[in-house]
Amino acid sequence: MVVVRFAPSPTGYLHLGSARTALFNWLYARHHDGRFLIRIEDTDLKRSDKKFLDEILRDLRWLGLDWDAEPVFQSDRFEVYRQKAAQLVAAGRAYRDGEAVLFRVEPGRTIVVEDMIHGRITFQTDDIKDQVLVKSDGSPAYNFSCVVDDDFLGITHILRGDDHISNTPKQVLFYEALDRPAPRFGHMPLIMGQDGAKLSKRHGGVAVEDYKQEGFLPEALANYLILLGWYPGQEHEVLTLAEAVKMFDIKSMNDVQAKFDVHKLKWLNGEYIMRSSAAELLPAVKERLAAAGLAAPDDGFLLRVVELYKIRIKTFTEFLPLTDFFFRDDFLWAEEAKAALAKEGSRELLRLLAARLETLENFSPVALEAACRELAADRKVKAAVLIHPARAAVSGKTKGAGLFEIMELLGRPRTLERLRSAS
């Protein structure tokens, strides 16, 4: 059975690269009906923080991942590492240097690793110095604790970033010394910025939390991260985790660095928003309203607003700037909207439009448009000359949903009040 693991360190938020590593491990396990485990690498007791651990686990669940056993904590296993190191000392494979324990690296050897992504990689032990197993403070070294724990958990395959390639020969030596079979290794190219440099904060958000706050859907972020390293074809760019599980093949993973493109991510997120029902999007919209200190209207009204705007936004941060006029009367005005009102004759047209709409029998988009166009014809002006200032008056915007759909949703009293206030 395939058994893989994700091993986060709770010293910070979940990085996009780490989230991608978790996703590919999870996909590999689920595709092969295997097990996906979590090991918490918290040997750095000073820097490890429970708040980061809680956030990492929340983010993994938010992305749609689950795991098959309770997480294992390295901080609970210090004595196990010391015992394993003592065994190697007794066998002559390691030695003590004060309070520390070091592994003897035999010179003149070639280590061959058949990487699942890069193919054959060779290493020379002459390039590897003796390795610390246990530090002088009694804590384990990273590579040694990884090997001890991966063997304990029965890990069969290790999928991780290219930055771990240099660790692989050291870990292979430890498996040999402990007389344990080594798992298969697969190293994924790192995520880079558009400039080709390693993804960092200067490229924008680097943590999953950043994209949660910005209003991305978990399905879209997971989908995009999967495409950074594995491309199932243009016809499958938008795919659910369930679909990815069925299609995933590690042999199809790219062995070249992937560039993070936030514009592509926004496009993908917009696709997910557009394909979602208004009811599915409602909780996220309510969160945005609450964060802005705005009282949410009744669900029926809010659903209609969401339905009207879900095809017009790429992230939820774009929702309120476009729709604030539905939820408050002191809405923000775009400079272009102010300019539309300032044009000669605009205010007079708005007074006439308000008078005409006050007696309109049917306040539907069709009836509203007909009344507006009739007024423009009566005044011998193009309809746009009236529509632009009217949109500005009722919404403070020059773009968004159709003017007449907006008016219907605002209702007659609010629409007339705003037309008259602007005139």
Protein backbone atom coordinates (compact mmCIF):
# COMPACT_ATOMS: atom_id res chain seq x y z
CA MET A 1 0.00 0.00 0.00
CA VAL A 2 1.16 3.51 -0.83
CA VAL A 3 1.81 5.55 2.33
CA VAL A 4 2.87 9.19 2.04
CA ARG A 5 3.21 12.04 4.48
CA PHE A 6 3.20 15.81 4.72
CA ALA A 7 5.54 17.20 7.35
CA PRO A 8 4.91 20.87 8.18
CA SER A 9 6.92 22.86 10.67
CA PRO A 10 4.69 25.00 12.95
CA THR A 11 6.97 28.03 12.86
CA GLY A 12 4.88 30.09 10.43
CA TYR A 13 1.85 30.07 8.17
CA LEU A 14 1.33 27.45 5.46
CA HIS A 15 3.44 28.50 2.45
CA LEU A 16 2.03 28.04 -1.05
CA GLY A 17 4.90 25.68 -1.87
CA SER A 18 4.17 23.57 1.19
CA ALA A 19 0.47 23.54 0.35
CA ARG A 20 1.29 22.27 -3.14
CA THR A 21 3.49 19.54 -1.62
CA ALA A 22 0.60 18.48 0.62
CA LEU A 23 -1.79 18.45 -2.34
CA PHE A 24 0.42 16.23 -4.49
CA ASN A 25 1.04 13.81 -1.64
CA TRP A 26 -2.69 13.65 -0.97
CA LEU A 27 -3.47 13.13 -4.68
CA TYR A 28 -0.89 10.36 -4.94
CA ALA A 29 -2.28 8.57 -1.90
CA ARG A 30 -5.91 8.87 -2.95
CA HIS A 31 -5.18 7.85 -6.55
CA HIS A 32 -3.58 4.63 -5.30
CA ASP A 33 -6.10 4.03 -2.47
CA GLY A 34 -3.24 4.60 -0.06
CA ARG A 35 -2.77 6.54 3.17
CA PHE A 36 -1.96 10.22 3.66
CA LEU A 37 -0.36 11.02 7.02
CA ILE A 38 0.80 14.18 8.77
CA ARG A 39 3.93 14.50 10.84
CA ILE A 40 4.58 17.72 12.76
CA GLU A 41 8.24 18.73 12.63
CA ASP A 42 8.38 20.68 15.87
CA THR A 43 11.88 19.81 17.10
CA ASP A 44 12.65 23.54 17.30
CA LEU A 45 10.80 24.00 20.57
CA LYS A 46 11.54 27.73 20.80
CA ARG A 47 10.13 28.67 17.40
CA SER A 48 7.27 26.17 17.19
CA ASP A 49 3.91 27.70 18.06
CA LYS A 50 0.53 26.02 18.48
CA LYS A 51 -1.22 28.94 16.76
CA PHE A 52 0.73 28.18 13.58
CA LEU A 53 -0.02 24.48 13.85
CA ASP A 54 -3.74 25.16 14.24
CA GLU A 55 -3.68 27.50 11.27
CA ILE A 56 -1.78 25.02 9.09
CA LEU A 57 -4.27 22.24 9.84
CA ARG A 58 -7.20 24.61 9.22
CA ASP A 59 -5.70 25.65 5.87
CA LEU A 60 -5.21 22.03 4.81
CA ARG A 61 -8.86 21.27 5.60
CA TRP A 62 -9.90 24.50 3.86
CA LEU A 63 -8.12 23.30 0.73
CA GLY A 64 -10.14 20.08 0.88
CA LEU A 65 -7.55 17.68 2.31
CA ASP A 66 -8.09 15.01 4.94
CA TRP A 67 -5.67 12.59 6.57
CA ASP A 68 -5.84 8.99 7.73
CA ALA A 69 -4.50 9.17 11.30
CA GLU A 70 -3.83 11.65 14.04
CA PRO A 71 -0.70 13.73 13.39
CA VAL A 72 2.58 12.49 14.88
CA PHE A 73 4.64 15.09 16.76
CA GLN A 74 8.42 14.88 16.63
CA SER A 75 8.64 16.70 19.94
CA ASP A 76 7.14 13.58 21.56
CA ARG A 77 9.86 11.31 20.16
CA PHE A 78 13.18 12.80 21.30
CA GLU A 79 14.05 9.69 23.33
CA VAL A 80 13.41 7.47 20.29
CA TYR A 81 15.92 9.44 18.23
CA ARG A 82 18.53 9.22 21.00
CA GLN A 83 18.05 5.47 21.25
CA LYS A 84 18.43 5.01 17.50
CA ALA A 85 21.58 7.16 17.54
CA ALA A 86 22.98 5.08 20.42
CA GLN A 87 22.38 1.92 18.36
CA LEU A 88 24.49 3.34 15.55
CA VAL A 89 27.24 4.29 18.00
CA ALA A 90 27.23 0.74 19.37
CA ALA A 91 27.44 -0.63 15.80
CA GLY A 92 30.42 1.60 15.02
CA ARG A 93 28.48 3.61 12.43
CA ALA A 94 28.43 6.76 14.56
CA TYR A 95 30.51 8.39 17.28
CA ARG A 96 30.11 10.84 20.12
CA ASP A 97 31.58 14.32 20.01
CA GLY A 98 30.93 15.73 23.45
CA GLU A 99 27.14 15.64 23.92
CA ALA A 100 26.53 15.37 20.17
CA VAL A 101 26.35 12.20 18.07
CA LEU A 102 27.74 12.16 14.51
CA PHE A 103 27.34 9.60 11.72
CA ARG A 104 30.45 8.33 9.94
CA VAL A 105 30.12 8.90 6.20
CA GLU A 106 32.10 6.31 4.28
CA PRO A 107 34.18 8.02 1.56
CA GLY A 108 34.50 6.86 -2.02
CA ARG A 109 30.93 5.68 -2.51
CA THR A 110 28.39 6.51 -5.22
CA ILE A 111 24.76 6.73 -4.15
CA VAL A 112 22.18 6.30 -6.90
CA VAL A 113 18.60 7.49 -6.44
CA GLU A 114 15.90 6.73 -9.03
CA ASP A 115 13.84 9.88 -8.59
CA MET A 116 10.19 9.52 -9.61
CA ILE A 117 10.22 12.94 -11.30
CA HIS A 118 13.82 13.65 -12.36
CA GLY A 119 14.98 10.12 -13.10
CA ARG A 120 18.38 8.86 -12.01
CA ILE A 121 20.40 11.16 -9.71
CA THR A 122 23.87 10.22 -8.45
CA PHE A 123 25.74 11.51 -5.42
CA GLN A 124 29.31 11.04 -4.18
CA THR A 125 29.92 10.49 -0.49
CA ASP A 126 33.22 12.37 -0.85
CA ASP A 127 31.03 15.48 -1.06
CA ILE A 128 29.24 14.68 2.21
CA LYS A 129 30.80 15.34 5.60
CA ASP A 130 30.02 13.35 8.74
CA GLN A 131 26.40 14.01 9.67
CA VAL A 132 25.00 15.14 13.01
CA LEU A 133 22.38 12.73 14.34
CA VAL A 134 21.79 14.29 17.75
CA LYS A 135 22.85 17.83 18.59
CA SER A 136 24.72 18.77 21.74
CA ASP A 137 21.46 20.00 23.31
CA GLY A 138 19.92 16.55 22.89
CA SER A 139 17.60 17.50 20.04
CA PRO A 140 17.68 15.47 16.80
CA ALA A 141 19.07 16.67 13.50
CA TYR A 142 16.52 17.11 10.73
CA ASN A 143 17.66 14.35 8.37
CA PHE A 144 18.00 11.73 11.08
CA SER A 145 14.63 12.39 12.72
CA CYS A 146 12.98 12.29 9.26
CA VAL A 147 14.39 8.84 8.55
CA VAL A 148 13.47 7.45 11.96
CA ASP A 149 9.92 8.76 11.68
CA ASP A 150 9.35 7.84 8.03
CA ASP A 151 10.38 4.29 8.85
CA PHE A 152 8.16 4.26 11.95
CA LEU A 153 5.18 5.47 9.88
CA GLY A 154 5.81 2.99 7.09
CA ILE A 155 6.25 5.70 4.46
CA THR A 156 6.66 4.17 1.01
CA HIS A 157 6.98 7.30 -1.13
CA ILE A 158 8.32 10.76 -0.34
CA LEU A 159 7.20 13.65 -2.56
CA ARG A 160 8.83 16.96 -1.70
CA GLY A 161 10.47 20.04 -3.17
CA ASP A 162 13.73 20.17 -5.10
CA ASP A 163 15.32 21.99 -2.20
CA HIS A 164 15.45 18.61 -0.41
CA ILE A 165 17.48 16.81 -3.10
CA SER A 166 20.73 17.41 -1.20
CA ASN A 167 19.17 15.73 1.87
CA THR A 168 18.35 12.54 -0.01
CA PRO A 169 21.80 10.83 -0.08
CA LYS A 170 22.27 11.52 3.63
CA GLN A 171 18.93 9.96 4.40
CA VAL A 172 19.68 6.95 2.19
CA LEU A 173 22.85 6.37 4.22
CA PHE A 174 20.82 6.43 7.45
CA TYR A 175 18.33 3.88 6.09
CA GLU A 176 21.23 1.60 5.18
CA ALA A 177 22.86 1.97 8.58
CA LEU A 178 19.58 1.20 10.36
CA ASP A 179 19.08 -1.77 8.01
CA ARG A 180 15.74 -0.40 6.84
CA PRO A 181 14.38 -0.11 3.28
CA ALA A 182 14.39 3.41 1.87
CA PRO A 183 11.16 4.79 0.38
CA ARG A 184 11.01 6.01 -3.19
CA PHE A 185 11.76 9.71 -3.63
CA GLY A 186 10.21 12.27 -5.96
CA HIS A 187 11.40 15.87 -5.98
CA MET A 188 9.17 18.58 -7.38
CA PRO A 189 10.58 21.78 -8.91
CA LEU A 190 10.01 24.81 -6.72
CA ILE A 191 7.42 27.51 -7.35
CA MET A 192 9.08 30.62 -8.74
CA GLY A 193 7.94 34.19 -9.21
CA GLN A 194 7.35 35.62 -12.68
CA ASP A 195 10.92 36.96 -12.62
CA GLY A 196 12.32 33.45 -12.17
CA ALA A 197 13.38 34.02 -8.56
CA LYS A 198 12.19 31.81 -5.71
CA LEU A 199 8.68 32.82 -4.66
CA SER A 200 8.86 35.36 -1.85
CA LYS A 201 6.84 38.18 -0.32
CA ARG A 202 8.11 40.63 -2.93
CA HIS A 203 6.02 38.68 -5.45
CA GLY A 204 2.89 39.11 -3.34
CA GLY A 205 1.22 36.71 -0.94
CA VAL A 206 3.19 33.55 -0.23
CA ALA A 207 0.94 31.93 2.39
CA VAL A 208 -2.41 30.24 1.96
CA GLU A 209 -3.77 32.62 4.59
CA ASP A 210 -3.01 35.58 2.29
CA TYR A 211 -5.26 34.16 -0.41
CA LYS A 212 -8.01 33.25 2.03
CA GLN A 213 -8.07 36.86 3.19
CA GLU A 214 -8.03 38.18 -0.37
CA GLY A 215 -11.19 36.30 -1.20
CA PHE A 216 -10.08 33.27 -3.18
CA LEU A 217 -12.10 30.08 -3.11
CA PRO A 218 -10.30 27.01 -1.73
CA GLU A 219 -11.28 24.96 -4.77
CA ALA A 220 -9.67 27.50 -7.09
CA LEU A 221 -6.43 27.81 -5.11
CA ALA A 222 -6.10 24.02 -4.83
CA ASN A 223 -6.82 23.67 -8.56
CA TYR A 224 -4.20 26.27 -9.45
CA LEU A 225 -1.49 24.79 -7.20
CA ILE A 226 -2.06 21.40 -8.79
CA LEU A 227 -1.46 22.93 -12.23
CA LEU A 228 1.95 24.17 -11.00
CA GLY A 229 3.81 20.97 -11.72
CA TRP A 230 1.21 18.76 -13.35
CA TYR A 231 -0.77 19.77 -16.41
CA PRO A 232 -3.63 17.46 -17.47
CA GLY A 233 -4.32 19.51 -20.61
CA GLN A 234 -6.16 22.74 -21.42
CA GLU A 235 -9.52 20.98 -21.53
CA HIS A 236 -8.98 19.98 -17.89
CA GLU A 237 -7.64 23.25 -16.48
CA VAL A 238 -10.70 23.64 -14.26
CA LEU A 239 -10.97 20.42 -12.30
CA THR A 240 -12.12 19.36 -8.86
CA LEU A 241 -9.98 17.43 -6.41
CA ALA A 242 -12.09 14.34 -7.09
CA GLU A 243 -11.39 14.66 -10.82
CA ALA A 244 -7.70 15.25 -10.16
CA VAL A 245 -7.51 12.10 -8.01
CA LYS A 246 -8.81 9.98 -10.90
CA MET A 247 -6.51 11.56 -13.48
CA PHE A 248 -3.31 12.04 -11.47
CA ASP A 249 -0.17 10.35 -12.75
CA ILE A 250 3.15 11.24 -11.19
CA LYS A 251 4.89 10.29 -14.43
CA SER A 252 3.24 13.34 -15.98
CA MET A 253 4.70 15.77 -13.45
CA ASN A 254 6.97 18.45 -14.86
CA ASP A 255 10.65 18.47 -13.91
CA VAL A 256 11.04 22.18 -14.64
CA GLN A 257 10.34 25.08 -12.33
CA ALA A 258 6.79 26.42 -12.26
CA LYS A 259 6.10 30.16 -12.31
CA PHE A 260 3.34 31.53 -10.10
CA ASP A 261 0.98 33.75 -12.09
CA VAL A 262 -1.55 35.56 -9.90
CA HIS A 263 -3.47 36.67 -13.01
CA LYS A 264 -4.02 33.04 -14.01
CA LEU A 265 -5.10 32.27 -10.44
CA LYS A 266 -7.60 35.15 -10.52
CA TRP A 267 -8.99 33.93 -13.84
CA LEU A 268 -9.41 30.45 -12.39
CA ASN A 269 -11.04 31.83 -9.25
CA GLY A 270 -13.44 33.85 -11.39
CA GLU A 271 -14.38 30.66 -13.22
CA TYR A 272 -15.20 28.95 -9.93
CA ILE A 273 -17.21 31.93 -8.68
CA MET A 274 -19.15 32.14 -11.95
CA ARG A 275 -19.94 28.40 -11.88
CA SER A 276 -21.06 28.45 -8.25
CA SER A 277 -24.64 29.08 -7.24
CA ALA A 278 -25.44 32.27 -5.36
CA ALA A 279 -26.38 30.14 -2.36
CA GLU A 280 -22.92 28.52 -2.34
CA LEU A 281 -21.27 31.95 -2.40
CA LEU A 282 -23.53 33.48 0.25
CA PRO A 283 -21.42 32.58 3.35
CA ALA A 284 -18.28 34.18 1.87
CA VAL A 285 -20.22 37.32 0.95
CA LYS A 286 -21.69 37.56 4.45
CA GLU A 287 -18.18 37.31 5.90
CA ARG A 288 -17.11 40.25 3.75
CA LEU A 289 -20.08 42.33 4.87
CA ALA A 290 -19.43 41.54 8.52
CA ALA A 291 -15.73 42.40 8.20
CA ALA A 292 -16.71 45.76 6.70
CA GLY A 293 -19.10 46.44 9.58
CA LEU A 294 -22.18 46.25 7.34
CA ALA A 295 -25.39 44.56 8.39
CA ALA A 296 -26.34 41.81 5.96
CA PRO A 297 -29.79 42.30 4.40
CA ASP A 298 -32.18 39.38 4.21
CA ASP A 299 -30.89 36.36 2.31
CA GLY A 300 -33.37 36.78 -0.52
CA PHE A 301 -32.09 40.26 -1.37
CA LEU A 302 -28.45 39.27 -0.91
CA LEU A 303 -28.84 36.23 -3.16
CA ARG A 304 -30.13 38.45 -5.94
CA VAL A 305 -27.15 40.81 -5.59
CA VAL A 306 -24.72 37.88 -5.64
CA GLU A 307 -26.41 36.40 -8.71
CA LEU A 308 -26.10 39.74 -10.46
CA TYR A 309 -22.40 40.19 -9.70
CA LYS A 310 -20.86 36.72 -9.54
CA ILE A 311 -20.01 36.90 -13.25
CA ARG A 312 -18.28 40.25 -12.72
CA ILE A 313 -15.76 39.46 -9.97
CA LYS A 314 -12.56 37.42 -9.82
CA THR A 315 -12.18 37.46 -6.01
CA PHE A 316 -14.46 38.37 -3.12
CA THR A 317 -12.38 41.47 -2.35
CA GLU A 318 -13.85 42.91 -5.55
CA PHE A 319 -17.43 42.36 -4.41
CA LEU A 320 -17.99 45.22 -1.96
CA PRO A 321 -16.27 47.94 -4.01
CA LEU A 322 -18.70 47.12 -6.81
CA THR A 323 -21.82 46.61 -4.70
CA ASP A 324 -21.51 48.81 -1.60
CA PHE A 325 -24.40 51.00 -2.78
CA PHE A 326 -26.82 48.12 -2.19
CA PHE A 327 -25.89 48.00 1.51
CA ARG A 328 -25.32 51.64 2.47
CA ASP A 329 -26.44 55.08 1.37
CA ASP A 330 -23.03 56.69 1.99
CA PHE A 331 -21.44 54.57 -0.74
CA LEU A 332 -18.15 55.39 -2.40
CA TRP A 333 -18.18 57.45 -5.58
CA ALA A 334 -15.84 56.83 -8.50
CA GLU A 335 -14.32 59.99 -9.96
CA GLU A 336 -15.72 59.03 -13.37
CA ALA A 337 -19.21 58.88 -11.84
CA LYS A 338 -18.84 62.37 -10.44
CA ALA A 339 -17.76 63.54 -13.89
CA ALA A 340 -20.84 61.98 -15.48
CA LEU A 341 -23.09 63.98 -13.17
CA ALA A 342 -21.17 67.17 -13.82
CA LYS A 343 -21.92 67.17 -17.55
CA GLU A 344 -24.26 69.90 -18.74
CA GLY A 345 -27.89 68.86 -18.63
CA SER A 346 -27.33 65.68 -16.60
CA ARG A 347 -29.06 66.86 -13.42
CA GLU A 348 -32.10 68.13 -15.30
CA LEU A 349 -32.43 64.76 -17.04
CA LEU A 350 -32.27 62.97 -13.67
CA ARG A 351 -35.13 65.14 -12.29
CA LEU A 352 -37.25 64.30 -15.31
CA LEU A 353 -36.37 60.60 -15.04
CA ALA A 354 -37.35 60.50 -11.35
CA ALA A 355 -40.72 62.06 -12.16
CA ARG A 356 -41.37 59.57 -14.92
CA LEU A 357 -40.32 56.53 -12.82
CA GLU A 358 -42.49 57.64 -9.89
CA THR A 359 -45.66 56.87 -11.86
CA LEU A 360 -44.30 53.83 -13.66
CA GLU A 361 -46.76 51.00 -13.17
CA ASN A 362 -44.27 48.16 -13.50
CA PHE A 363 -40.83 48.64 -11.93
CA SER A 364 -39.20 45.85 -13.93
CA PRO A 365 -35.95 46.12 -15.95
CA VAL A 366 -37.88 46.02 -19.24
CA ALA A 367 -40.27 48.79 -18.16
CA LEU A 368 -37.46 50.87 -16.67
CA GLU A 369 -35.41 50.70 -19.85
CA ALA A 370 -38.41 51.62 -21.98
CA ALA A 371 -39.17 54.65 -19.78
CA CYS A 372 -35.55 55.78 -19.91
CA ARG A 373 -35.31 55.48 -23.68
CA GLU A 374 -38.65 57.25 -24.17
CA LEU A 375 -37.43 60.16 -22.07
CA ALA A 376 -34.18 60.33 -24.06
CA ALA A 377 -36.17 60.37 -27.30
CA ASP A 378 -38.46 63.08 -25.98
CA ARG A 379 -35.45 65.22 -25.06
CA LYS A 380 -33.77 64.40 -28.40
CA VAL A 381 -30.61 62.98 -26.80
CA LYS A 382 -28.95 59.60 -27.07
CA ALA A 383 -30.01 57.11 -24.40
CA ALA A 384 -26.41 56.96 -23.10
CA VAL A 385 -26.60 60.67 -22.22
CA LEU A 386 -29.26 59.72 -19.65
CA ILE A 387 -28.11 56.23 -18.69
CA HIS A 388 -24.57 57.23 -17.62
CA PRO A 389 -25.58 59.91 -15.07
CA ALA A 390 -28.47 57.72 -13.87
CA ARG A 391 -26.04 54.86 -13.15
CA ALA A 392 -23.77 57.29 -11.36
CA ALA A 393 -26.63 58.66 -9.27
CA VAL A 394 -27.94 55.32 -8.04
CA SER A 395 -24.61 53.49 -7.59
CA GLY A 396 -21.72 55.95 -7.61
CA LYS A 397 -20.15 53.75 -10.30
CA THR A 398 -19.72 53.83 -14.06
CA LYS A 399 -19.64 50.05 -14.50
CA GLY A 400 -21.15 46.95 -12.99
CA ALA A 401 -24.46 45.20 -13.50
CA GLY A 402 -27.08 46.58 -15.88
CA LEU A 403 -28.58 49.87 -14.72
CA PHE A 404 -32.16 48.66 -14.92
CA GLU A 405 -31.42 45.44 -12.99
CA ILE A 406 -29.81 47.63 -10.33
CA MET A 407 -32.83 49.92 -10.15
CA GLU A 408 -35.24 47.03 -9.83
CA LEU A 409 -33.18 45.51 -7.02
CA LEU A 410 -32.83 48.82 -5.17
CA GLY A 411 -36.57 49.33 -5.47
CA ARG A 412 -38.58 52.40 -6.39
CA PRO A 413 -38.17 54.46 -3.16
CA ARG A 414 -34.36 54.19 -3.00
CA THR A 415 -33.94 54.68 -6.72
CA LEU A 416 -36.07 57.85 -6.78
CA GLU A 417 -34.38 59.21 -3.66
CA ARG A 418 -30.94 58.82 -5.22
CA LEU A 419 -31.94 60.28 -8.58
CA ARG A 420 -33.37 63.33 -6.84
CA SER A 421 -30.43 63.70 -4.46
CA ALA A 422 -28.04 63.74 -7.40
CA SER A 423 -30.10 66.25 -9.34
